[in-house]
């Protein structure tokens, strides 16, 4: 794991790491650095799809509940209006759409990020606590096909980080 002081330095290092063929790489920073996503060539998030599917499910559930309650289970003749009066079904269906989409966003974000994760091996690096303050870290996983401890260590040193640390399990 390499530690950097500036976001530009970690972005440049991430580009070089990706160009060197490493694919199982992760970056840690105190705030989002959008260029890191491009530098590491991370795939697009599937979260928007989860939110869309949650919204569609919410729309169907809300409208279906209103239909079931008004037409099938408890039909009431109110002012001669039809049982299936769709304009009255729109507000509850809209509300359940928003509710389900928001729940899908929160649960999908937690699932895709692997959270909650009370322990991760990078927590063993002594200076990793600075990742929440002012330092930027780039970690090459040992499971990467191109990983060789000595070669990767010297490669990370060539990127001129503040410190290079080995992540212990």
N, C-alpha and C. Protein backbone atom coordinates (compact mmCIF):
# COMPACT_ATOMS: atom_id res chain seq x y z
N UNK A 1 0.85 -1.17 0.00
CA UNK A 1 0.00 0.00 0.00
C UNK A 1 0.90 1.22 0.00
N UNK A 2 0.60 2.16 -0.89
CA UNK A 2 1.38 3.39 -1.00
C UNK A 2 0.56 4.55 -0.46
N UNK A 3 1.21 5.44 0.27
CA UNK A 3 0.56 6.60 0.87
C UNK A 3 1.02 7.87 0.16
N UNK A 4 0.05 8.71 -0.20
CA UNK A 4 0.34 9.97 -0.90
C UNK A 4 -0.27 11.14 -0.14
N UNK A 5 0.32 12.32 -0.34
CA UNK A 5 -0.17 13.53 0.34
C UNK A 5 -1.17 14.32 -0.49
N UNK A 6 -1.08 14.20 -1.80
CA UNK A 6 -1.90 15.01 -2.70
C UNK A 6 -2.80 14.13 -3.58
N UNK A 7 -4.00 14.60 -3.90
CA UNK A 7 -4.87 13.81 -4.78
C UNK A 7 -4.29 13.64 -6.19
N UNK A 8 -3.61 14.65 -6.69
CA UNK A 8 -3.02 14.54 -8.03
C UNK A 8 -1.97 13.44 -8.07
N UNK A 9 -1.22 13.29 -6.99
CA UNK A 9 -0.19 12.26 -6.93
C UNK A 9 -0.80 10.87 -6.93
N UNK A 10 -1.87 10.67 -6.17
CA UNK A 10 -2.48 9.34 -6.14
C UNK A 10 -3.18 9.03 -7.46
N UNK A 11 -3.72 10.03 -8.15
CA UNK A 11 -4.33 9.80 -9.46
C UNK A 11 -3.26 9.41 -10.47
N UNK A 12 -2.14 10.12 -10.48
CA UNK A 12 -1.04 9.77 -11.39
C UNK A 12 -0.52 8.37 -11.09
N UNK A 13 -0.39 8.05 -9.81
CA UNK A 13 0.08 6.72 -9.43
C UNK A 13 -0.92 5.65 -9.85
N UNK A 14 -2.20 5.92 -9.70
CA UNK A 14 -3.23 4.96 -10.08
C UNK A 14 -3.18 4.69 -11.58
N UNK A 15 -2.95 5.74 -12.37
CA UNK A 15 -2.83 5.55 -13.82
C UNK A 15 -1.64 4.65 -14.15
N UNK A 16 -0.50 4.89 -13.49
CA UNK A 16 0.69 4.08 -13.75
C UNK A 16 0.49 2.64 -13.30
N UNK A 17 -0.19 2.45 -12.17
CA UNK A 17 -0.46 1.10 -11.68
C UNK A 17 -1.35 0.36 -12.67
N UNK A 18 -2.36 1.03 -13.19
CA UNK A 18 -3.25 0.39 -14.17
C UNK A 18 -2.50 0.09 -15.47
N UNK A 19 -1.65 1.02 -15.91
CA UNK A 19 -0.87 0.80 -17.12
C UNK A 19 0.11 -0.36 -16.95
N UNK A 20 0.56 -0.59 -15.72
CA UNK A 20 1.49 -1.70 -15.45
C UNK A 20 0.79 -3.05 -15.45
N UNK A 21 -0.54 -3.05 -15.53
CA UNK A 21 -1.26 -4.31 -15.63
C UNK A 21 -1.95 -4.77 -14.36
N UNK A 22 -1.82 -4.03 -13.29
CA UNK A 22 -2.50 -4.41 -12.05
C UNK A 22 -3.98 -4.07 -12.17
N UNK A 23 -4.83 -5.04 -11.80
CA UNK A 23 -6.27 -4.83 -11.90
C UNK A 23 -6.98 -4.86 -10.55
N UNK A 24 -6.43 -5.58 -9.60
CA UNK A 24 -7.05 -5.64 -8.27
C UNK A 24 -6.39 -4.57 -7.40
N UNK A 25 -6.85 -3.35 -7.61
CA UNK A 25 -6.28 -2.17 -6.95
C UNK A 25 -7.43 -1.40 -6.33
N UNK A 26 -7.18 -0.83 -5.17
CA UNK A 26 -8.20 0.01 -4.53
C UNK A 26 -7.54 1.28 -4.03
N UNK A 27 -8.31 2.34 -4.00
CA UNK A 27 -7.82 3.63 -3.52
C UNK A 27 -8.68 4.08 -2.35
N UNK A 28 -8.04 4.74 -1.40
CA UNK A 28 -8.73 5.26 -0.22
C UNK A 28 -8.38 6.73 -0.07
N UNK A 29 -9.39 7.56 0.11
CA UNK A 29 -9.15 9.00 0.22
C UNK A 29 -10.14 9.61 1.21
N UNK A 30 -9.80 10.77 1.77
CA UNK A 30 -10.70 11.40 2.74
C UNK A 30 -11.94 12.03 2.09
N UNK A 31 -11.92 12.22 0.79
CA UNK A 31 -13.07 12.77 0.07
C UNK A 31 -13.04 12.21 -1.35
N UNK A 32 -14.16 12.24 -2.05
CA UNK A 32 -14.20 11.66 -3.39
C UNK A 32 -13.27 12.38 -4.37
N UNK A 33 -12.50 11.60 -5.10
CA UNK A 33 -11.63 12.11 -6.15
C UNK A 33 -12.11 11.45 -7.45
N UNK A 34 -12.84 12.20 -8.26
CA UNK A 34 -13.48 11.62 -9.44
C UNK A 34 -12.49 11.06 -10.44
N UNK A 35 -11.32 11.64 -10.54
CA UNK A 35 -10.33 11.16 -11.51
C UNK A 35 -9.83 9.76 -11.15
N UNK A 36 -9.96 9.35 -9.89
CA UNK A 36 -9.52 8.01 -9.49
C UNK A 36 -10.35 6.93 -10.17
N UNK A 37 -11.62 7.18 -10.35
CA UNK A 37 -12.48 6.19 -11.01
C UNK A 37 -11.99 5.92 -12.43
N UNK A 38 -11.64 6.98 -13.14
CA UNK A 38 -11.12 6.82 -14.50
C UNK A 38 -9.73 6.22 -14.48
N UNK A 39 -8.89 6.65 -13.55
CA UNK A 39 -7.51 6.18 -13.50
C UNK A 39 -7.45 4.68 -13.20
N UNK A 40 -8.33 4.19 -12.36
CA UNK A 40 -8.34 2.77 -12.02
C UNK A 40 -9.20 1.96 -12.99
N UNK A 41 -9.86 2.64 -13.93
CA UNK A 41 -10.74 2.00 -14.92
C UNK A 41 -11.78 1.13 -14.23
N UNK A 42 -12.42 1.69 -13.22
CA UNK A 42 -13.46 0.97 -12.50
C UNK A 42 -14.71 0.90 -13.37
N UNK A 43 -15.44 -0.21 -13.28
CA UNK A 43 -16.67 -0.31 -14.08
C UNK A 43 -17.75 0.63 -13.54
N UNK A 44 -18.71 0.94 -14.40
CA UNK A 44 -19.82 1.79 -13.96
C UNK A 44 -20.61 1.08 -12.88
N UNK A 45 -21.15 1.86 -11.99
CA UNK A 45 -21.93 1.32 -10.88
C UNK A 45 -23.26 0.76 -11.37
N UNK A 46 -23.71 -0.31 -10.72
CA UNK A 46 -25.02 -0.87 -11.03
C UNK A 46 -26.10 -0.25 -10.15
N UNK A 47 -25.74 0.69 -9.29
CA UNK A 47 -26.70 1.29 -8.38
C UNK A 47 -27.87 1.96 -9.09
N UNK A 48 -27.66 2.71 -10.18
CA UNK A 48 -28.83 3.30 -10.87
C UNK A 48 -29.85 2.25 -11.32
N UNK A 49 -29.39 1.08 -11.72
CA UNK A 49 -30.30 0.02 -12.12
C UNK A 49 -31.12 -0.45 -10.92
N UNK A 50 -30.46 -0.60 -9.75
CA UNK A 50 -31.17 -1.00 -8.54
C UNK A 50 -32.24 0.03 -8.18
N UNK A 51 -31.90 1.31 -8.31
CA UNK A 51 -32.86 2.37 -7.98
C UNK A 51 -34.03 2.34 -8.95
N UNK A 52 -33.75 2.16 -10.23
CA UNK A 52 -34.83 2.07 -11.23
C UNK A 52 -35.74 0.89 -10.93
N UNK A 53 -35.16 -0.28 -10.67
CA UNK A 53 -35.97 -1.45 -10.37
C UNK A 53 -36.77 -1.27 -9.08
N UNK A 54 -36.16 -0.64 -8.09
CA UNK A 54 -36.89 -0.35 -6.85
C UNK A 54 -38.05 0.59 -7.10
N UNK A 55 -37.84 1.60 -7.92
CA UNK A 55 -38.92 2.53 -8.26
C UNK A 55 -40.05 1.86 -9.01
N UNK A 56 -39.70 1.00 -9.96
CA UNK A 56 -40.74 0.28 -10.71
C UNK A 56 -41.52 -0.65 -9.78
N UNK A 57 -40.80 -1.34 -8.89
CA UNK A 57 -41.47 -2.21 -7.92
C UNK A 57 -42.38 -1.40 -7.01
N UNK A 58 -41.93 -0.23 -6.59
CA UNK A 58 -42.76 0.63 -5.74
C UNK A 58 -44.00 1.12 -6.46
N UNK A 59 -43.84 1.48 -7.72
CA UNK A 59 -44.99 1.93 -8.52
C UNK A 59 -46.01 0.80 -8.64
N UNK A 60 -45.53 -0.40 -8.97
CA UNK A 60 -46.43 -1.54 -9.12
C UNK A 60 -47.09 -1.89 -7.78
N UNK A 61 -46.32 -1.86 -6.70
CA UNK A 61 -46.87 -2.20 -5.39
C UNK A 61 -47.91 -1.17 -4.95
N UNK A 62 -47.61 0.09 -5.11
CA UNK A 62 -48.55 1.14 -4.70
C UNK A 62 -49.83 1.11 -5.51
N UNK A 63 -49.68 1.01 -6.82
CA UNK A 63 -50.87 0.99 -7.67
C UNK A 63 -51.65 -0.30 -7.44
N UNK A 64 -50.93 -1.40 -7.30
CA UNK A 64 -51.59 -2.69 -7.06
C UNK A 64 -52.35 -2.71 -5.75
N UNK A 65 -51.78 -2.13 -4.71
CA UNK A 65 -52.46 -2.07 -3.42
C UNK A 65 -53.74 -1.24 -3.51
N UNK A 66 -53.63 -0.10 -4.18
CA UNK A 66 -54.82 0.74 -4.36
C UNK A 66 -55.89 0.01 -5.18
N UNK A 67 -55.47 -0.65 -6.24
CA UNK A 67 -56.42 -1.38 -7.08
C UNK A 67 -57.09 -2.49 -6.27
N UNK A 68 -56.29 -3.26 -5.56
CA UNK A 68 -56.82 -4.36 -4.76
C UNK A 68 -57.82 -3.85 -3.71
N UNK A 69 -57.44 -2.78 -3.02
CA UNK A 69 -58.31 -2.26 -1.97
C UNK A 69 -59.59 -1.64 -2.53
N UNK A 70 -59.51 -0.93 -3.63
CA UNK A 70 -60.67 -0.20 -4.15
C UNK A 70 -61.56 -1.02 -5.07
N UNK A 71 -61.01 -1.99 -5.76
CA UNK A 71 -61.78 -2.72 -6.77
C UNK A 71 -62.12 -4.13 -6.31
N UNK A 72 -61.17 -4.83 -5.71
CA UNK A 72 -61.36 -6.24 -5.42
C UNK A 72 -61.90 -6.48 -4.01
N UNK A 73 -61.21 -5.98 -3.03
CA UNK A 73 -61.52 -6.33 -1.64
C UNK A 73 -62.61 -5.47 -1.01
N UNK A 74 -62.58 -4.17 -1.21
CA UNK A 74 -63.54 -3.27 -0.56
C UNK A 74 -64.17 -2.30 -1.57
N UNK A 75 -64.87 -2.78 -2.55
CA UNK A 75 -65.47 -1.84 -3.52
C UNK A 75 -66.60 -1.03 -2.87
N UNK A 76 -66.51 0.28 -3.01
CA UNK A 76 -67.53 1.17 -2.46
C UNK A 76 -67.96 2.15 -3.55
N UNK A 77 -69.23 2.31 -3.70
CA UNK A 77 -69.77 3.26 -4.66
C UNK A 77 -69.81 4.62 -3.97
N UNK A 78 -68.88 5.48 -4.35
CA UNK A 78 -68.80 6.81 -3.74
C UNK A 78 -69.11 7.84 -4.83
N UNK A 79 -70.27 8.44 -4.74
CA UNK A 79 -70.66 9.48 -5.69
C UNK A 79 -70.80 9.00 -7.11
N UNK A 80 -71.04 7.71 -7.30
CA UNK A 80 -71.21 7.17 -8.64
C UNK A 80 -69.92 7.04 -9.43
N UNK A 81 -68.78 7.22 -8.77
CA UNK A 81 -67.49 7.11 -9.47
C UNK A 81 -67.16 5.63 -9.68
N UNK A 82 -66.40 5.33 -10.73
CA UNK A 82 -66.03 3.93 -10.96
C UNK A 82 -65.08 3.43 -9.87
N UNK A 83 -65.09 2.11 -9.67
CA UNK A 83 -64.21 1.53 -8.65
C UNK A 83 -62.74 1.76 -9.01
N UNK A 84 -62.45 1.59 -10.30
CA UNK A 84 -61.06 1.79 -10.75
C UNK A 84 -60.93 3.21 -11.29
N UNK A 85 -60.74 4.15 -10.40
CA UNK A 85 -60.57 5.56 -10.77
C UNK A 85 -59.08 5.89 -10.67
N UNK A 86 -58.38 5.71 -11.77
CA UNK A 86 -56.92 5.81 -11.74
C UNK A 86 -56.38 7.16 -11.26
N UNK A 87 -57.00 8.31 -11.48
CA UNK A 87 -56.42 9.55 -10.97
C UNK A 87 -56.25 9.55 -9.45
N UNK A 88 -57.13 8.86 -8.74
CA UNK A 88 -57.00 8.79 -7.28
C UNK A 88 -55.86 7.86 -6.88
N UNK A 89 -55.44 6.97 -7.77
CA UNK A 89 -54.39 6.01 -7.45
C UNK A 89 -52.99 6.59 -7.66
N UNK A 90 -52.88 7.70 -8.38
CA UNK A 90 -51.57 8.25 -8.73
C UNK A 90 -50.77 8.74 -7.52
N UNK A 91 -51.32 9.56 -6.62
CA UNK A 91 -50.49 10.03 -5.50
C UNK A 91 -49.91 8.92 -4.62
N UNK A 92 -50.71 7.91 -4.19
CA UNK A 92 -50.10 6.84 -3.40
C UNK A 92 -49.06 6.04 -4.19
N UNK A 93 -49.33 5.82 -5.48
CA UNK A 93 -48.37 5.09 -6.31
C UNK A 93 -47.07 5.87 -6.45
N UNK A 94 -47.17 7.19 -6.58
CA UNK A 94 -45.98 8.03 -6.66
C UNK A 94 -45.18 7.95 -5.36
N UNK A 95 -45.88 8.02 -4.23
CA UNK A 95 -45.19 7.97 -2.94
C UNK A 95 -44.48 6.64 -2.73
N UNK A 96 -45.12 5.53 -3.10
CA UNK A 96 -44.45 4.24 -2.93
C UNK A 96 -43.29 4.09 -3.93
N UNK A 97 -43.40 4.72 -5.09
CA UNK A 97 -42.28 4.71 -6.04
C UNK A 97 -41.06 5.36 -5.41
N UNK A 98 -41.25 6.54 -4.81
CA UNK A 98 -40.13 7.25 -4.18
C UNK A 98 -39.59 6.45 -3.00
N UNK A 99 -40.49 5.90 -2.19
CA UNK A 99 -40.06 5.13 -1.02
C UNK A 99 -39.23 3.92 -1.43
N UNK A 100 -39.70 3.13 -2.37
CA UNK A 100 -38.98 1.93 -2.79
C UNK A 100 -37.67 2.29 -3.48
N UNK A 101 -37.66 3.35 -4.28
CA UNK A 101 -36.42 3.76 -4.96
C UNK A 101 -35.38 4.21 -3.94
N UNK A 102 -35.81 4.95 -2.91
CA UNK A 102 -34.87 5.39 -1.87
C UNK A 102 -34.33 4.20 -1.09
N UNK A 103 -35.20 3.26 -0.73
CA UNK A 103 -34.74 2.06 -0.02
C UNK A 103 -33.78 1.24 -0.88
N UNK A 104 -34.08 1.12 -2.17
CA UNK A 104 -33.19 0.40 -3.08
C UNK A 104 -31.84 1.09 -3.18
N UNK A 105 -31.84 2.43 -3.17
CA UNK A 105 -30.58 3.17 -3.24
C UNK A 105 -29.73 2.92 -2.00
N UNK A 106 -30.34 2.99 -0.84
CA UNK A 106 -29.59 2.79 0.41
C UNK A 106 -29.10 1.35 0.52
N UNK A 107 -29.99 0.39 0.34
CA UNK A 107 -29.59 -1.01 0.47
C UNK A 107 -28.63 -1.43 -0.64
N UNK A 108 -28.84 -0.93 -1.86
CA UNK A 108 -27.92 -1.24 -2.95
C UNK A 108 -26.54 -0.66 -2.72
N UNK A 109 -26.48 0.57 -2.20
CA UNK A 109 -25.18 1.18 -1.89
C UNK A 109 -24.45 0.36 -0.84
N UNK A 110 -25.15 -0.05 0.21
CA UNK A 110 -24.52 -0.86 1.25
C UNK A 110 -24.03 -2.20 0.68
N UNK A 111 -24.86 -2.84 -0.13
CA UNK A 111 -24.48 -4.14 -0.70
C UNK A 111 -23.31 -4.02 -1.67
N UNK A 112 -23.34 -3.04 -2.57
CA UNK A 112 -22.27 -2.90 -3.56
C UNK A 112 -20.95 -2.48 -2.92
N UNK A 113 -21.01 -1.73 -1.82
CA UNK A 113 -19.79 -1.32 -1.13
C UNK A 113 -19.32 -2.35 -0.12
N UNK A 114 -20.07 -3.43 0.05
CA UNK A 114 -19.68 -4.46 1.00
C UNK A 114 -19.78 -3.99 2.44
N UNK A 115 -20.74 -3.13 2.71
CA UNK A 115 -20.89 -2.59 4.05
C UNK A 115 -22.05 -3.27 4.77
N UNK A 116 -22.05 -3.32 6.06
CA UNK A 116 -20.99 -2.86 6.95
C UNK A 116 -19.84 -3.86 6.98
N UNK A 117 -18.65 -3.34 7.08
CA UNK A 117 -17.44 -4.16 7.13
C UNK A 117 -16.62 -3.71 8.34
N UNK A 118 -16.86 -4.34 9.49
CA UNK A 118 -16.19 -3.87 10.71
C UNK A 118 -14.68 -4.09 10.70
N UNK A 119 -14.17 -5.01 9.85
CA UNK A 119 -12.73 -5.25 9.80
C UNK A 119 -12.29 -5.39 8.36
N UNK A 120 -11.16 -4.77 8.06
CA UNK A 120 -10.52 -4.91 6.75
C UNK A 120 -9.02 -4.93 7.02
N UNK A 121 -8.26 -5.74 6.31
CA UNK A 121 -6.81 -5.81 6.57
C UNK A 121 -6.08 -4.47 6.48
N UNK A 122 -6.56 -3.52 5.67
CA UNK A 122 -5.86 -2.23 5.58
C UNK A 122 -5.89 -1.47 6.90
N UNK A 123 -6.81 -1.84 7.80
CA UNK A 123 -6.86 -1.18 9.11
C UNK A 123 -5.60 -1.48 9.93
N UNK A 124 -4.84 -2.51 9.54
CA UNK A 124 -3.61 -2.86 10.26
C UNK A 124 -2.44 -1.94 9.92
N UNK A 125 -2.53 -1.19 8.83
CA UNK A 125 -1.46 -0.26 8.46
C UNK A 125 -1.49 0.91 9.45
N UNK A 126 -0.37 1.20 10.10
CA UNK A 126 -0.37 2.21 11.17
C UNK A 126 -0.87 3.59 10.75
N UNK A 127 -0.55 4.04 9.56
CA UNK A 127 -0.94 5.39 9.15
C UNK A 127 -2.27 5.44 8.41
N UNK A 128 -2.98 4.31 8.32
CA UNK A 128 -4.22 4.29 7.55
C UNK A 128 -5.31 5.16 8.16
N UNK A 129 -5.23 5.45 9.43
CA UNK A 129 -6.23 6.33 10.06
C UNK A 129 -6.23 7.71 9.41
N UNK A 130 -5.11 8.09 8.78
CA UNK A 130 -5.04 9.39 8.11
C UNK A 130 -5.86 9.43 6.81
N UNK A 131 -6.37 8.27 6.37
CA UNK A 131 -7.20 8.25 5.16
C UNK A 131 -8.50 9.01 5.37
N UNK A 132 -8.87 9.25 6.61
CA UNK A 132 -10.08 10.03 6.88
C UNK A 132 -9.75 11.50 7.13
N UNK A 133 -8.48 11.85 7.08
CA UNK A 133 -8.09 13.24 7.35
C UNK A 133 -7.48 13.92 6.13
N UNK A 134 -6.25 13.52 5.78
CA UNK A 134 -5.57 14.26 4.71
C UNK A 134 -4.64 13.41 3.85
N UNK A 135 -4.73 12.09 3.91
CA UNK A 135 -3.83 11.24 3.13
C UNK A 135 -4.62 10.40 2.14
N UNK A 136 -3.92 9.98 1.09
CA UNK A 136 -4.51 9.20 0.01
C UNK A 136 -3.71 7.91 -0.11
N UNK A 137 -4.40 6.79 -0.20
CA UNK A 137 -3.74 5.49 -0.23
C UNK A 137 -4.12 4.73 -1.49
N UNK A 138 -3.15 3.98 -2.00
CA UNK A 138 -3.35 3.13 -3.17
C UNK A 138 -2.88 1.74 -2.77
N UNK A 139 -3.76 0.77 -2.86
CA UNK A 139 -3.45 -0.59 -2.39
C UNK A 139 -3.55 -1.57 -3.55
N UNK A 140 -2.49 -2.33 -3.77
CA UNK A 140 -2.50 -3.40 -4.77
C UNK A 140 -2.69 -4.70 -4.01
N UNK A 141 -3.73 -5.44 -4.35
CA UNK A 141 -4.04 -6.67 -3.63
C UNK A 141 -3.09 -7.79 -4.03
N UNK A 142 -2.80 -8.65 -3.06
CA UNK A 142 -1.90 -9.78 -3.30
C UNK A 142 -2.54 -10.82 -4.22
N UNK A 143 -3.85 -10.77 -4.40
CA UNK A 143 -4.53 -11.72 -5.27
C UNK A 143 -4.48 -11.32 -6.75
N UNK A 144 -3.89 -10.16 -7.04
CA UNK A 144 -3.75 -9.71 -8.42
C UNK A 144 -2.79 -10.65 -9.16
N UNK A 145 -3.11 -11.05 -10.40
CA UNK A 145 -2.24 -11.97 -11.14
C UNK A 145 -0.81 -11.43 -11.36
N UNK A 146 -0.64 -10.12 -11.45
CA UNK A 146 0.68 -9.53 -11.67
C UNK A 146 1.44 -9.29 -10.37
N UNK A 147 0.85 -9.62 -9.23
CA UNK A 147 1.46 -9.29 -7.95
C UNK A 147 2.64 -10.20 -7.66
N UNK A 148 3.76 -9.57 -7.36
CA UNK A 148 4.95 -10.22 -6.81
C UNK A 148 5.46 -9.24 -5.75
N UNK A 149 5.63 -9.70 -4.53
CA UNK A 149 5.88 -8.79 -3.42
C UNK A 149 7.06 -7.86 -3.69
N UNK A 150 8.20 -8.41 -4.07
CA UNK A 150 9.39 -7.57 -4.27
C UNK A 150 9.22 -6.63 -5.47
N UNK A 151 8.72 -7.17 -6.57
CA UNK A 151 8.56 -6.36 -7.77
C UNK A 151 7.50 -5.26 -7.57
N UNK A 152 6.39 -5.61 -6.91
CA UNK A 152 5.33 -4.63 -6.66
C UNK A 152 5.81 -3.58 -5.67
N UNK A 153 6.56 -4.02 -4.66
CA UNK A 153 7.10 -3.07 -3.66
C UNK A 153 8.00 -2.04 -4.35
N UNK A 154 8.92 -2.51 -5.19
CA UNK A 154 9.82 -1.58 -5.86
C UNK A 154 9.06 -0.70 -6.87
N UNK A 155 8.04 -1.26 -7.51
CA UNK A 155 7.22 -0.46 -8.42
C UNK A 155 6.51 0.65 -7.66
N UNK A 156 5.92 0.33 -6.51
CA UNK A 156 5.24 1.35 -5.71
C UNK A 156 6.22 2.41 -5.23
N UNK A 157 7.43 2.00 -4.88
CA UNK A 157 8.45 2.98 -4.46
C UNK A 157 8.83 3.91 -5.61
N UNK A 158 8.78 3.40 -6.84
CA UNK A 158 9.12 4.25 -7.99
C UNK A 158 8.07 5.33 -8.24
N UNK A 159 6.90 5.19 -7.64
CA UNK A 159 5.84 6.19 -7.79
C UNK A 159 6.02 7.37 -6.84
N UNK A 160 7.05 7.33 -6.04
CA UNK A 160 7.42 8.38 -5.08
C UNK A 160 6.33 8.70 -4.06
N UNK A 161 5.86 7.67 -3.34
CA UNK A 161 4.90 7.94 -2.28
C UNK A 161 5.61 8.39 -1.01
N UNK A 162 4.83 8.82 -0.03
CA UNK A 162 5.41 9.16 1.28
C UNK A 162 5.95 7.89 1.94
N UNK A 163 5.12 6.83 1.92
CA UNK A 163 5.46 5.57 2.59
C UNK A 163 4.86 4.43 1.78
N UNK A 164 5.56 3.30 1.76
CA UNK A 164 5.00 2.07 1.22
C UNK A 164 4.91 1.09 2.38
N UNK A 165 3.74 0.50 2.57
CA UNK A 165 3.52 -0.43 3.68
C UNK A 165 2.98 -1.74 3.15
N UNK A 166 3.30 -2.81 3.86
CA UNK A 166 2.73 -4.11 3.54
C UNK A 166 1.48 -4.30 4.39
N UNK A 167 0.42 -4.73 3.76
CA UNK A 167 -0.84 -4.95 4.49
C UNK A 167 -0.83 -6.38 5.01
N UNK A 168 -0.83 -6.50 6.32
CA UNK A 168 -0.83 -7.82 6.97
C UNK A 168 -2.26 -8.30 7.14
N UNK A 169 -2.45 -9.59 7.02
CA UNK A 169 -3.78 -10.15 7.27
C UNK A 169 -4.00 -10.19 8.75
